[in-house]
Amino acid sequence: DFGANSETTIYARRRLDLDERMALLDEQDVANKRKIIE
């Protein structure tokens, strides 16, 4: 009776995947900016 919601494990696991992906992209962005500064 609760429908789709953010507490289901399919949502939580997919969200973790996205968090990890974005963290990796942030690291790559910082590394690229560091190369440009160098």
All heavy atoms as atom14 arrays in JSON, in Angstrom:
{
  "sequence": "DFGANSETTIYARRRLDLDERMALLDEQDVANKRKIIE",
  "atom14_mask": [
    [1, 1, 1, 1, 1, 1, 1, 1, 0, 0, 0, 0, 0, 0],
    [1, 1, 1, 1, 1, 1, 1, 1, 1, 1, 1, 0, 0, 0],
    [1, 1, 1, 1, 0, 0, 0, 0, 0, 0, 0, 0, 0, 0],
    [1, 1, 1, 1, 1, 0, 0, 0, 0, 0, 0, 0, 0, 0],
    [1, 1, 1, 1, 1, 1, 1, 1, 0, 0, 0, 0, 0, 0],
    [1, 1, 1, 1, 1, 1, 0, 0, 0, 0, 0, 0, 0, 0],
    [1, 1, 1, 1, 1, 1, 1, 1, 1, 0, 0, 0, 0, 0],
    [1, 1, 1, 1, 1, 1, 1, 0, 0, 0, 0, 0, 0, 0],
    [1, 1, 1, 1, 1, 1, 1, 0, 0, 0, 0, 0, 0, 0],
    [1, 1, 1, 1, 1, 1, 1, 1, 0, 0, 0, 0, 0, 0],
    [1, 1, 1, 1, 1, 1, 1, 1, 1, 1, 1, 1, 0, 0],
    [1, 1, 1, 1, 1, 0, 0, 0, 0, 0, 0, 0, 0, 0],
    [1, 1, 1, 1, 1, 1, 1, 1, 1, 1, 1, 0, 0, 0],
    [1, 1, 1, 1, 1, 1, 1, 1, 1, 1, 1, 0, 0, 0],
    [1, 1, 1, 1, 1, 1, 1, 1, 1, 1, 1, 0, 0, 0],
    [1, 1, 1, 1, 1, 1, 1, 1, 0, 0, 0, 0, 0, 0],
    [1, 1, 1, 1, 1, 1, 1, 1, 0, 0, 0, 0, 0, 0],
    [1, 1, 1, 1, 1, 1, 1, 1, 0, 0, 0, 0, 0, 0],
    [1, 1, 1, 1, 1, 1, 1, 1, 0, 0, 0, 0, 0, 0],
    [1, 1, 1, 1, 1, 1, 1, 1, 1, 0, 0, 0, 0, 0],
    [1, 1, 1, 1, 1, 1, 1, 1, 1, 1, 1, 0, 0, 0],
    [1, 1, 1, 1, 1, 1, 1, 1, 0, 0, 0, 0, 0, 0],
    [1, 1, 1, 1, 1, 0, 0, 0, 0, 0, 0, 0, 0, 0],
    [1, 1, 1, 1, 1, 1, 1, 1, 0, 0, 0, 0, 0, 0],
    [1, 1, 1, 1, 1, 1, 1, 1, 0, 0, 0, 0, 0, 0],
    [1, 1, 1, 1, 1, 1, 1, 1, 0, 0, 0, 0, 0, 0],
    [1, 1, 1, 1, 1, 1, 1, 1, 1, 0, 0, 0, 0, 0],
    [1, 1, 1, 1, 1, 1, 1, 1, 1, 0, 0, 0, 0, 0],
    [1, 1, 1, 1, 1, 1, 1, 1, 0, 0, 0, 0, 0, 0],
    [1, 1, 1, 1, 1, 1, 1, 0, 0, 0, 0, 0, 0, 0],
    [1, 1, 1, 1, 1, 0, 0, 0, 0, 0, 0, 0, 0, 0],
    [1, 1, 1, 1, 1, 1, 1, 1, 0, 0, 0, 0, 0, 0],
    [1, 1, 1, 1, 1, 1, 1, 1, 1, 0, 0, 0, 0, 0],
    [1, 1, 1, 1, 1, 1, 1, 1, 1, 1, 1, 0, 0, 0],
    [1, 1, 1, 1, 1, 1, 1, 1, 1, 0, 0, 0, 0, 0],
    [1, 1, 1, 1, 1, 1, 1, 1, 0, 0, 0, 0, 0, 0],
    [1, 1, 1, 1, 1, 1, 1, 1, 0, 0, 0, 0, 0, 0],
    [1, 1, 1, 1, 1, 1, 1, 1, 1, 0, 0, 0, 0, 0]
  ],
  "atom14_positions": [
    [[0.82, -1.21, 0.0], [0.0, 0.0, 0.0], [0.85, 1.26, 0.0], [0.32, 2.36, 0.02], [-0.96, 0.02, 1.19], [-0.26, -0.11, 2.54], [0.97, 0.12, 2.59], [-0.92, -0.45, 3.53], [0.0, 0.0, 0.0], [0.0, 0.0, 0.0], [0.0, 0.0, 0.0], [0.0, 0.0, 0.0], [0.0, 0.0, 0.0], [0.0, 0.0, 0.0]],
    [[2.2, 1.08, -0.04], [3.07, 2.26, 0.01], [3.59, 2.67, -1.35], [4.2, 3.7, -1.49], [4.26, 2.03, 0.95], [5.01, 0.75, 0.7], [5.87, 0.61, -0.35], [4.84, -0.34, 1.56], [6.56, -0.58, -0.57], [5.52, -1.52, 1.35], [6.38, -1.64, 0.28], [0.0, 0.0, 0.0], [0.0, 0.0, 0.0], [0.0, 0.0, 0.0]],
    [[3.38, 1.87, -2.38], [3.87, 2.21, -3.71], [5.38, 2.26, -3.77], [6.07, 1.73, -2.91], [0.0, 0.0, 0.0], [0.0, 0.0, 0.0], [0.0, 0.0, 0.0], [0.0, 0.0, 0.0], [0.0, 0.0, 0.0], [0.0, 0.0, 0.0], [0.0, 0.0, 0.0], [0.0, 0.0, 0.0], [0.0, 0.0, 0.0], [0.0, 0.0, 0.0]],
    [[5.9, 2.89, -4.79], [7.35, 3.03, -4.92], [7.85, 4.06, -3.92], [7.26, 5.1, -3.75], [7.71, 3.48, -6.34], [0.0, 0.0, 0.0], [0.0, 0.0, 0.0], [0.0, 0.0, 0.0], [0.0, 0.0, 0.0], [0.0, 0.0, 0.0], [0.0, 0.0, 0.0], [0.0, 0.0, 0.0], [0.0, 0.0, 0.0], [0.0, 0.0, 0.0]],
    [[8.94, 3.75, -3.24], [9.48, 4.74, -2.3], [10.97, 4.53, -2.13], [11.53, 3.52, -2.51], [8.76, 4.66, -0.95], [9.12, 3.4, -0.18], [10.17, 3.33, 0.41], [8.25, 2.41, -0.19], [0.0, 0.0, 0.0], [0.0, 0.0, 0.0], [0.0, 0.0, 0.0], [0.0, 0.0, 0.0], [0.0, 0.0, 0.0], [0.0, 0.0, 0.0]],
    [[11.6, 5.54, -1.53], [13.06, 5.57, -1.47], [13.65, 4.59, -0.48], [14.87, 4.48, -0.37], [13.52, 6.98, -1.1], [13.02, 7.35, 0.17], [0.0, 0.0, 0.0], [0.0, 0.0, 0.0], [0.0, 0.0, 0.0], [0.0, 0.0, 0.0], [0.0, 0.0, 0.0], [0.0, 0.0, 0.0], [0.0, 0.0, 0.0], [0.0, 0.0, 0.0]],
    [[12.83, 3.85, 0.28], [13.37, 2.91, 1.26], [13.52, 1.5, 0.7], [14.06, 0.63, 1.36], [12.47, 2.87, 2.5], [12.36, 4.21, 3.21], [13.71, 4.79, 3.54], [14.58, 4.07, 4.06], [13.92, 5.98, 3.28], [0.0, 0.0, 0.0], [0.0, 0.0, 0.0], [0.0, 0.0, 0.0], [0.0, 0.0, 0.0], [0.0, 0.0, 0.0]],
    [[13.01, 1.24, -0.49], [13.15, -0.1, -1.05], [14.58, -0.33, -1.46], [15.29, 0.58, -1.88], [12.23, -0.3, -2.26], [12.54, 0.69, -3.23], [10.76, -0.17, -1.86], [0.0, 0.0, 0.0], [0.0, 0.0, 0.0], [0.0, 0.0, 0.0], [0.0, 0.0, 0.0], [0.0, 0.0, 0.0], [0.0, 0.0, 0.0], [0.0, 0.0, 0.0]],
    [[15.03, -1.58, -1.37], [16.45, -1.85, -1.61], [16.85, -1.62, -3.05], [18.0, -1.3, -3.33], [16.82, -3.28, -1.21], [15.85, -4.19, -1.73], [16.92, -3.43, 0.28], [0.0, 0.0, 0.0], [0.0, 0.0, 0.0], [0.0, 0.0, 0.0], [0.0, 0.0, 0.0], [0.0, 0.0, 0.0], [0.0, 0.0, 0.0], [0.0, 0.0, 0.0]],
    [[15.92, -1.8, -4.01], [16.3, -1.55, -5.4], [16.67, -0.08, -5.57], [17.64, 0.25, -6.24], [15.17, -1.95, -6.37], [15.59, -1.75, -7.82], [13.88, -1.21, -6.1], [16.72, -2.63, -8.26], [0.0, 0.0, 0.0], [0.0, 0.0, 0.0], [0.0, 0.0, 0.0], [0.0, 0.0, 0.0], [0.0, 0.0, 0.0], [0.0, 0.0, 0.0]],
    [[15.94, 0.84, -4.93], [16.24, 2.26, -4.99], [17.57, 2.54, -4.28], [18.45, 3.21, -4.83], [15.11, 3.05, -4.33], [15.29, 4.56, -4.39], [14.6, 5.32, -5.32], [16.15, 5.21, -3.52], [14.75, 6.69, -5.38], [16.31, 6.58, -3.58], [15.61, 7.32, -4.51], [15.78, 8.67, -4.56], [0.0, 0.0, 0.0], [0.0, 0.0, 0.0]],
    [[17.72, 1.98, -3.09], [18.92, 2.28, -2.29], [20.18, 1.78, -2.99], [21.21, 2.46, -3.0], [18.79, 1.64, -0.92], [0.0, 0.0, 0.0], [0.0, 0.0, 0.0], [0.0, 0.0, 0.0], [0.0, 0.0, 0.0], [0.0, 0.0, 0.0], [0.0, 0.0, 0.0], [0.0, 0.0, 0.0], [0.0, 0.0, 0.0], [0.0, 0.0, 0.0]],
    [[20.11, 0.58, -3.58], [21.31, 0.03, -4.22], [21.66, 0.8, -5.47], [22.83, 1.1, -5.73], [21.09, -1.45, -4.55], [22.35, -2.11, -5.11], [22.22, -3.63, -5.07], [21.17, -4.1, -5.95], [21.34, -4.32, -7.26], [22.5, -4.05, -7.83], [20.36, -4.79, -8.0], [0.0, 0.0, 0.0], [0.0, 0.0, 0.0], [0.0, 0.0, 0.0]],
    [[20.65, 1.13, -6.27], [20.92, 1.92, -7.48], [21.47, 3.29, -7.11], [22.36, 3.81, -7.77], [19.64, 2.09, -8.29], [19.01, 0.79, -8.8], [19.96, 0.0, -9.66], [19.26, -1.06, -10.35], [19.8, -2.21, -10.68], [21.06, -2.46, -10.35], [19.13, -3.12, -11.34], [0.0, 0.0, 0.0], [0.0, 0.0, 0.0], [0.0, 0.0, 0.0]],
    [[20.94, 3.89, -6.04], [21.41, 5.21, -5.62], [22.87, 5.14, -5.19], [23.66, 6.04, -5.46], [20.54, 5.73, -4.48], [20.8, 7.18, -4.14], [19.85, 7.66, -3.08], [20.04, 6.93, -1.83], [19.25, 7.06, -0.77], [18.21, 7.88, -0.82], [19.48, 6.39, 0.32], [0.0, 0.0, 0.0], [0.0, 0.0, 0.0], [0.0, 0.0, 0.0]],
    [[23.25, 4.06, -4.51], [24.64, 3.88, -4.12], [25.53, 3.78, -5.36], [26.62, 4.36, -5.41], [24.78, 2.61, -3.28], [26.21, 2.27, -2.82], [26.77, 3.39, -1.95], [26.21, 0.95, -2.05], [0.0, 0.0, 0.0], [0.0, 0.0, 0.0], [0.0, 0.0, 0.0], [0.0, 0.0, 0.0], [0.0, 0.0, 0.0], [0.0, 0.0, 0.0]],
    [[25.05, 3.05, -6.38], [25.79, 2.98, -7.64], [26.03, 4.37, -8.2], [27.13, 4.69, -8.67], [25.03, 2.14, -8.67], [25.0, 0.67, -8.32], [25.86, 0.23, -7.53], [24.12, -0.05, -8.83], [0.0, 0.0, 0.0], [0.0, 0.0, 0.0], [0.0, 0.0, 0.0], [0.0, 0.0, 0.0], [0.0, 0.0, 0.0], [0.0, 0.0, 0.0]],
    [[25.0, 5.2, -8.16], [25.13, 6.55, -8.71], [26.06, 7.41, -7.87], [26.84, 8.2, -8.41], [23.75, 7.21, -8.8], [22.76, 6.58, -9.78], [21.47, 7.37, -9.79], [23.33, 6.5, -11.18], [0.0, 0.0, 0.0], [0.0, 0.0, 0.0], [0.0, 0.0, 0.0], [0.0, 0.0, 0.0], [0.0, 0.0, 0.0], [0.0, 0.0, 0.0]],
    [[25.99, 7.28, -6.55], [26.89, 8.03, -5.68], [28.35, 7.69, -5.99], [29.21, 8.56, -6.05], [26.58, 7.73, -4.21], [25.33, 8.44, -3.72], [24.94, 9.44, -4.35], [24.75, 7.98, -2.72], [0.0, 0.0, 0.0], [0.0, 0.0, 0.0], [0.0, 0.0, 0.0], [0.0, 0.0, 0.0], [0.0, 0.0, 0.0], [0.0, 0.0, 0.0]],
    [[28.62, 6.39, -6.17], [29.98, 5.96, -6.47], [30.43, 6.5, -7.82], [31.57, 6.92, -8.0], [30.05, 4.44, -6.44], [29.87, 3.86, -5.03], [29.82, 2.35, -5.05], [29.73, 1.76, -6.15], [29.87, 1.74, -3.96], [0.0, 0.0, 0.0], [0.0, 0.0, 0.0], [0.0, 0.0, 0.0], [0.0, 0.0, 0.0], [0.0, 0.0, 0.0]],
    [[29.51, 6.48, -8.78], [29.85, 6.98, -10.12], [30.17, 8.46, -10.07], [31.16, 8.92, -10.67], [28.67, 6.72, -11.07], [28.82, 7.35, -12.44], [27.6, 7.01, -13.3], [27.66, 7.66, -14.58], [27.17, 8.86, -14.83], [26.62, 9.56, -13.85], [27.24, 9.38, -16.05], [0.0, 0.0, 0.0], [0.0, 0.0, 0.0], [0.0, 0.0, 0.0]],
    [[29.34, 9.24, -9.36], [29.56, 10.68, -9.3], [30.82, 11.02, -8.52], [31.53, 11.97, -8.84], [28.34, 11.37, -8.7], [27.17, 11.42, -9.68], [25.76, 12.4, -9.11], [25.03, 11.24, -7.98], [0.0, 0.0, 0.0], [0.0, 0.0, 0.0], [0.0, 0.0, 0.0], [0.0, 0.0, 0.0], [0.0, 0.0, 0.0], [0.0, 0.0, 0.0]],
    [[31.13, 10.22, -7.5], [32.37, 10.44, -6.74], [33.58, 10.22, -7.65], [34.56, 10.97, -7.6], [32.43, 9.5, -5.54], [0.0, 0.0, 0.0], [0.0, 0.0, 0.0], [0.0, 0.0, 0.0], [0.0, 0.0, 0.0], [0.0, 0.0, 0.0], [0.0, 0.0, 0.0], [0.0, 0.0, 0.0], [0.0, 0.0, 0.0], [0.0, 0.0, 0.0]],
    [[33.49, 9.19, -8.51], [34.58, 8.93, -9.44], [34.72, 10.07, -10.44], [35.84, 10.51, -10.74], [34.31, 7.6, -10.18], [35.35, 7.21, -11.24], [36.73, 7.04, -10.61], [34.93, 5.94, -11.95], [0.0, 0.0, 0.0], [0.0, 0.0, 0.0], [0.0, 0.0, 0.0], [0.0, 0.0, 0.0], [0.0, 0.0, 0.0], [0.0, 0.0, 0.0]],
    [[33.59, 10.57, -10.94], [33.64, 11.69, -11.87], [34.23, 12.93, -11.21], [34.99, 13.68, -11.83], [32.24, 11.99, -12.4], [31.63, 10.93, -13.33], [30.2, 11.33, -13.7], [32.48, 10.75, -14.57], [0.0, 0.0, 0.0], [0.0, 0.0, 0.0], [0.0, 0.0, 0.0], [0.0, 0.0, 0.0], [0.0, 0.0, 0.0], [0.0, 0.0, 0.0]],
    [[33.89, 13.17, -9.94], [34.46, 14.31, -9.2], [35.97, 14.17, -9.08], [36.71, 15.15, -9.25], [33.83, 14.39, -7.81], [32.39, 14.9, -7.85], [32.01, 15.48, -8.89], [31.67, 14.69, -6.86], [0.0, 0.0, 0.0], [0.0, 0.0, 0.0], [0.0, 0.0, 0.0], [0.0, 0.0, 0.0], [0.0, 0.0, 0.0], [0.0, 0.0, 0.0]],
    [[36.43, 12.94, -8.78], [37.87, 12.7, -8.67], [38.57, 12.97, -10.0], [39.64, 13.58, -10.05], [38.13, 11.27, -8.23], [37.72, 10.98, -6.79], [37.94, 9.53, -6.41], [38.49, 8.79, -7.26], [37.57, 9.14, -5.3], [0.0, 0.0, 0.0], [0.0, 0.0, 0.0], [0.0, 0.0, 0.0], [0.0, 0.0, 0.0], [0.0, 0.0, 0.0]],
    [[37.93, 12.51, -11.09], [38.52, 12.74, -12.41], [38.56, 14.22, -12.76], [39.52, 14.71, -13.34], [37.71, 11.96, -13.47], [37.84, 10.44, -13.32], [36.91, 9.7, -14.27], [35.96, 10.27, -14.81], [37.17, 8.44, -14.48], [0.0, 0.0, 0.0], [0.0, 0.0, 0.0], [0.0, 0.0, 0.0], [0.0, 0.0, 0.0], [0.0, 0.0, 0.0]],
    [[37.48, 14.94, -12.36], [37.42, 16.37, -12.63], [38.52, 17.11, -11.87], [39.2, 17.98, -12.42], [36.04, 16.91, -12.22], [35.87, 18.37, -12.6], [36.1, 18.71, -13.77], [35.51, 19.16, -11.7], [0.0, 0.0, 0.0], [0.0, 0.0, 0.0], [0.0, 0.0, 0.0], [0.0, 0.0, 0.0], [0.0, 0.0, 0.0], [0.0, 0.0, 0.0]],
    [[38.73, 16.74, -10.6], [39.79, 17.37, -9.8], [41.16, 17.05, -10.41], [42.03, 17.93, -10.51], [39.72, 16.86, -8.35], [40.97, 17.3, -7.57], [38.47, 17.37, -7.66], [0.0, 0.0, 0.0], [0.0, 0.0, 0.0], [0.0, 0.0, 0.0], [0.0, 0.0, 0.0], [0.0, 0.0, 0.0], [0.0, 0.0, 0.0], [0.0, 0.0, 0.0]],
    [[41.34, 15.8, -10.84], [42.63, 15.41, -11.44], [42.88, 16.19, -12.73], [44.01, 16.64, -12.98], [42.63, 13.91, -11.71], [0.0, 0.0, 0.0], [0.0, 0.0, 0.0], [0.0, 0.0, 0.0], [0.0, 0.0, 0.0], [0.0, 0.0, 0.0], [0.0, 0.0, 0.0], [0.0, 0.0, 0.0], [0.0, 0.0, 0.0], [0.0, 0.0, 0.0]],
    [[41.85, 16.37, -13.54], [42.0, 17.11, -14.79], [42.34, 18.57, -14.52], [43.19, 19.17, -15.21], [40.72, 17.02, -15.62], [40.49, 15.62, -16.18], [41.44, 14.86, -16.34], [39.24, 15.29, -16.47], [0.0, 0.0, 0.0], [0.0, 0.0, 0.0], [0.0, 0.0, 0.0], [0.0, 0.0, 0.0], [0.0, 0.0, 0.0], [0.0, 0.0, 0.0]],
    [[41.67, 19.16, -13.52], [41.96, 20.56, -13.19], [43.38, 20.7, -12.67], [44.07, 21.69, -12.95], [40.96, 21.06, -12.15], [39.56, 21.26, -12.7], [38.6, 21.74, -11.63], [37.2, 21.95, -12.2], [36.22, 22.37, -11.16], [0.0, 0.0, 0.0], [0.0, 0.0, 0.0], [0.0, 0.0, 0.0], [0.0, 0.0, 0.0], [0.0, 0.0, 0.0]],
    [[43.85, 19.69, -11.9], [45.21, 19.72, -11.37], [46.22, 19.69, -12.52], [47.24, 20.39, -12.5], [45.43, 18.56, -10.42], [46.79, 18.6, -9.71], [46.96, 17.44, -8.76], [45.99, 17.49, -7.68], [45.06, 16.56, -7.45], [44.97, 15.51, -8.25], [44.2, 16.69, -6.45], [0.0, 0.0, 0.0], [0.0, 0.0, 0.0], [0.0, 0.0, 0.0]],
    [[45.94, 18.87, -13.55], [46.83, 18.79, -14.7], [46.9, 20.12, -15.42], [47.96, 20.56, -15.87], [46.35, 17.69, -15.65], [46.56, 16.28, -15.12], [46.06, 15.24, -16.1], [46.26, 13.83, -15.57], [45.74, 12.8, -16.51], [0.0, 0.0, 0.0], [0.0, 0.0, 0.0], [0.0, 0.0, 0.0], [0.0, 0.0, 0.0], [0.0, 0.0, 0.0]],
    [[45.72, 20.79, -15.55], [45.71, 22.08, -16.24], [46.53, 23.11, -15.47], [47.31, 23.88, -16.04], [44.24, 22.57, -16.38], [43.5, 21.66, -17.36], [44.2, 24.02, -16.85], [42.01, 21.95, -17.46], [0.0, 0.0, 0.0], [0.0, 0.0, 0.0], [0.0, 0.0, 0.0], [0.0, 0.0, 0.0], [0.0, 0.0, 0.0], [0.0, 0.0, 0.0]],
    [[46.4, 23.11, -14.14], [47.16, 24.04, -13.3], [48.66, 23.77, -13.45], [49.46, 24.7, -13.55], [46.73, 23.91, -11.83], [45.28, 24.42, -11.67], [47.68, 24.67, -10.9], [44.71, 24.18, -10.3], [0.0, 0.0, 0.0], [0.0, 0.0, 0.0], [0.0, 0.0, 0.0], [0.0, 0.0, 0.0], [0.0, 0.0, 0.0], [0.0, 0.0, 0.0]],
    [[49.02, 22.49, -13.47], [50.43, 22.14, -13.6], [50.98, 22.59, -14.94], [52.1, 23.11, -15.03], [50.6, 20.61, -13.45], [50.35, 20.12, -12.03], [50.4, 18.61, -11.94], [50.48, 17.95, -13.0], [50.36, 18.08, -10.8], [0.0, 0.0, 0.0], [0.0, 0.0, 0.0], [0.0, 0.0, 0.0], [0.0, 0.0, 0.0], [0.0, 0.0, 0.0]]
  ]
}
